[in-house]
Amino acid sequence: MLLANYYSTALKEKCLWRYLNISQACEQGLKSAIASVRAQQWLAENRSSLEASRQYVEENGLPLADCRNF
């Protein structure tokens, strides 16, 4: 069964009038949603490491800061 069968007629008509491919739009939306969830999960899993790095820079400055040309 196609996913497009689950959408309202009005929504399908709007897609047709704008020459949108419903399957491609759904796929893009799902990819975007998955990427967003993965980014949130990564941030949650690595929050303590990121905080430790931020705290190190706050206390000691940037590593190799004296080698920067700007």
N, C-alpha and C. Protein backbone atom coordinates (compact mmCIF):
# COMPACT_ATOMS: atom_id res chain seq x y z
N MET A 1 0.85 -1.19 0.00
CA MET A 1 0.00 0.00 0.00
C MET A 1 0.89 1.24 0.00
N LEU A 2 0.52 2.21 -0.77
CA LEU A 2 1.30 3.44 -0.88
C LEU A 2 1.03 4.36 0.29
N LEU A 3 2.07 5.05 0.74
CA LEU A 3 1.89 6.04 1.80
C LEU A 3 0.95 7.15 1.37
N ALA A 4 0.96 7.46 0.09
CA ALA A 4 0.12 8.56 -0.41
C ALA A 4 -1.36 8.32 -0.14
N ASN A 5 -1.75 7.09 0.03
CA ASN A 5 -3.16 6.78 0.30
C ASN A 5 -3.61 7.27 1.67
N TYR A 6 -2.69 7.57 2.54
CA TYR A 6 -3.02 7.99 3.90
C TYR A 6 -3.19 9.50 4.05
N TYR A 7 -2.88 10.26 3.02
CA TYR A 7 -2.96 11.71 3.12
C TYR A 7 -4.31 12.21 2.66
N SER A 8 -4.70 13.34 3.17
CA SER A 8 -5.99 13.92 2.81
C SER A 8 -6.01 14.29 1.33
N THR A 9 -7.19 14.30 0.78
CA THR A 9 -7.36 14.66 -0.61
C THR A 9 -6.88 16.08 -0.86
N ALA A 10 -7.17 17.00 0.06
CA ALA A 10 -6.74 18.39 -0.10
C ALA A 10 -5.22 18.48 -0.16
N LEU A 11 -4.55 17.71 0.68
CA LEU A 11 -3.09 17.73 0.68
C LEU A 11 -2.54 17.18 -0.63
N LYS A 12 -3.14 16.09 -1.11
CA LYS A 12 -2.70 15.52 -2.38
C LYS A 12 -2.91 16.51 -3.52
N GLU A 13 -4.03 17.21 -3.52
CA GLU A 13 -4.31 18.19 -4.57
C GLU A 13 -3.28 19.32 -4.55
N LYS A 14 -2.92 19.77 -3.35
CA LYS A 14 -1.91 20.81 -3.25
C LYS A 14 -0.58 20.33 -3.84
N CYS A 15 -0.24 19.09 -3.59
CA CYS A 15 1.00 18.53 -4.13
C CYS A 15 0.93 18.45 -5.65
N LEU A 16 -0.20 17.99 -6.16
CA LEU A 16 -0.35 17.86 -7.61
C LEU A 16 -0.27 19.21 -8.30
N TRP A 17 -0.91 20.21 -7.75
CA TRP A 17 -0.90 21.55 -8.34
C TRP A 17 0.51 22.13 -8.36
N ARG A 18 1.34 21.71 -7.45
CA ARG A 18 2.71 22.23 -7.38
C ARG A 18 3.73 21.24 -7.96
N TYR A 19 3.22 20.22 -8.61
CA TYR A 19 4.06 19.20 -9.25
C TYR A 19 5.04 18.57 -8.26
N LEU A 20 4.57 18.32 -7.05
CA LEU A 20 5.42 17.69 -6.04
C LEU A 20 5.25 16.18 -6.09
N ASN A 21 6.34 15.47 -5.97
CA ASN A 21 6.31 14.02 -5.90
C ASN A 21 6.15 13.64 -4.42
N ILE A 22 5.01 13.08 -4.08
CA ILE A 22 4.69 12.79 -2.68
C ILE A 22 5.70 11.80 -2.09
N SER A 23 6.06 10.78 -2.83
CA SER A 23 7.01 9.78 -2.32
C SER A 23 8.37 10.41 -2.03
N GLN A 24 8.84 11.26 -2.95
CA GLN A 24 10.14 11.92 -2.73
C GLN A 24 10.06 12.88 -1.56
N ALA A 25 8.95 13.60 -1.44
CA ALA A 25 8.78 14.54 -0.32
C ALA A 25 8.77 13.78 1.01
N CYS A 26 8.09 12.65 1.04
CA CYS A 26 8.06 11.83 2.26
C CYS A 26 9.45 11.32 2.60
N GLU A 27 10.16 10.85 1.59
CA GLU A 27 11.51 10.33 1.81
C GLU A 27 12.43 11.43 2.35
N GLN A 28 12.36 12.61 1.76
CA GLN A 28 13.19 13.72 2.22
C GLN A 28 12.83 14.11 3.65
N GLY A 29 11.53 14.14 3.95
CA GLY A 29 11.09 14.47 5.29
C GLY A 29 11.57 13.46 6.32
N LEU A 30 11.49 12.18 5.97
CA LEU A 30 11.96 11.13 6.87
C LEU A 30 13.47 11.22 7.09
N LYS A 31 14.22 11.46 6.02
CA LYS A 31 15.67 11.60 6.16
C LYS A 31 16.01 12.77 7.07
N SER A 32 15.30 13.86 6.90
CA SER A 32 15.54 15.04 7.73
C SER A 32 15.20 14.76 9.19
N ALA A 33 14.09 14.08 9.43
CA ALA A 33 13.68 13.76 10.80
C ALA A 33 14.68 12.81 11.46
N ILE A 34 15.15 11.82 10.71
CA ILE A 34 16.13 10.87 11.24
C ILE A 34 17.44 11.57 11.57
N ALA A 35 17.89 12.46 10.67
CA ALA A 35 19.13 13.20 10.92
C ALA A 35 19.01 14.07 12.16
N SER A 36 17.85 14.68 12.35
CA SER A 36 17.64 15.53 13.51
C SER A 36 17.69 14.72 14.81
N VAL A 37 17.04 13.57 14.80
CA VAL A 37 17.04 12.71 15.99
C VAL A 37 18.44 12.19 16.27
N ARG A 38 19.17 11.80 15.23
CA ARG A 38 20.54 11.31 15.43
C ARG A 38 21.44 12.40 15.99
N ALA A 39 21.27 13.63 15.52
CA ALA A 39 22.07 14.75 16.03
C ALA A 39 21.76 15.00 17.50
N GLN A 40 20.49 14.95 17.86
CA GLN A 40 20.10 15.14 19.26
C GLN A 40 20.66 14.02 20.14
N GLN A 41 20.61 12.79 19.64
CA GLN A 41 21.15 11.66 20.40
C GLN A 41 22.66 11.79 20.58
N TRP A 42 23.35 12.19 19.50
CA TRP A 42 24.81 12.35 19.58
C TRP A 42 25.16 13.41 20.61
N LEU A 43 24.43 14.52 20.58
CA LEU A 43 24.69 15.60 21.53
C LEU A 43 24.47 15.13 22.96
N ALA A 44 23.40 14.39 23.18
CA ALA A 44 23.11 13.87 24.53
C ALA A 44 24.20 12.90 24.99
N GLU A 45 24.66 12.04 24.08
CA GLU A 45 25.68 11.05 24.42
C GLU A 45 27.04 11.69 24.66
N ASN A 46 27.30 12.81 24.05
CA ASN A 46 28.63 13.43 24.13
C ASN A 46 28.65 14.72 24.93
N ARG A 47 27.56 15.02 25.60
CA ARG A 47 27.44 16.28 26.33
C ARG A 47 28.54 16.45 27.37
N SER A 48 28.87 15.40 28.11
CA SER A 48 29.89 15.53 29.16
C SER A 48 31.26 15.80 28.56
N SER A 49 31.59 15.17 27.44
CA SER A 49 32.88 15.43 26.78
C SER A 49 32.96 16.84 26.25
N LEU A 50 31.87 17.31 25.66
CA LEU A 50 31.84 18.67 25.14
C LEU A 50 31.98 19.69 26.27
N GLU A 51 31.32 19.42 27.38
CA GLU A 51 31.40 20.32 28.53
C GLU A 51 32.82 20.33 29.10
N ALA A 52 33.45 19.15 29.17
CA ALA A 52 34.82 19.07 29.67
C ALA A 52 35.78 19.84 28.76
N SER A 53 35.58 19.74 27.46
CA SER A 53 36.42 20.48 26.50
C SER A 53 36.22 21.98 26.66
N ARG A 54 34.98 22.40 26.79
CA ARG A 54 34.68 23.82 26.98
C ARG A 54 35.32 24.34 28.26
N GLN A 55 35.24 23.55 29.32
CA GLN A 55 35.80 23.96 30.60
C GLN A 55 37.33 24.04 30.52
N TYR A 56 37.96 23.11 29.80
CA TYR A 56 39.41 23.14 29.63
C TYR A 56 39.84 24.43 28.94
N VAL A 57 39.14 24.78 27.86
CA VAL A 57 39.48 25.98 27.10
C VAL A 57 39.26 27.22 27.96
N GLU A 58 38.22 27.20 28.76
CA GLU A 58 37.94 28.33 29.64
C GLU A 58 39.06 28.53 30.65
N GLU A 59 39.58 27.44 31.18
CA GLU A 59 40.61 27.51 32.21
C GLU A 59 42.01 27.70 31.63
N ASN A 60 42.29 27.11 30.45
CA ASN A 60 43.65 27.09 29.91
C ASN A 60 43.83 27.81 28.59
N GLY A 61 42.76 28.27 28.01
CA GLY A 61 42.84 28.88 26.69
C GLY A 61 42.87 27.82 25.61
N LEU A 62 42.89 28.28 24.38
CA LEU A 62 42.91 27.34 23.26
C LEU A 62 44.26 26.66 23.14
N PRO A 63 44.26 25.34 22.87
CA PRO A 63 45.53 24.66 22.62
C PRO A 63 46.20 25.27 21.39
N LEU A 64 47.49 25.46 21.45
CA LEU A 64 48.28 26.02 20.35
C LEU A 64 47.85 27.43 19.96
N ALA A 65 47.26 28.15 20.88
CA ALA A 65 46.80 29.51 20.60
C ALA A 65 47.96 30.42 20.20
N ASP A 66 49.13 30.17 20.77
CA ASP A 66 50.26 31.03 20.44
C ASP A 66 50.81 30.77 19.04
N CYS A 67 50.37 29.73 18.38
CA CYS A 67 50.78 29.43 17.00
C CYS A 67 49.86 30.03 15.96
N ARG A 68 48.78 30.66 16.41
CA ARG A 68 47.82 31.25 15.46
C ARG A 68 48.37 32.54 14.88
N ASN A 69 48.06 32.78 13.61
CA ASN A 69 48.51 33.97 12.91
C ASN A 69 47.47 35.07 12.86
N PHE A 70 46.35 34.89 13.48
CA PHE A 70 45.28 35.90 13.44
C PHE A 70 44.78 36.23 14.80
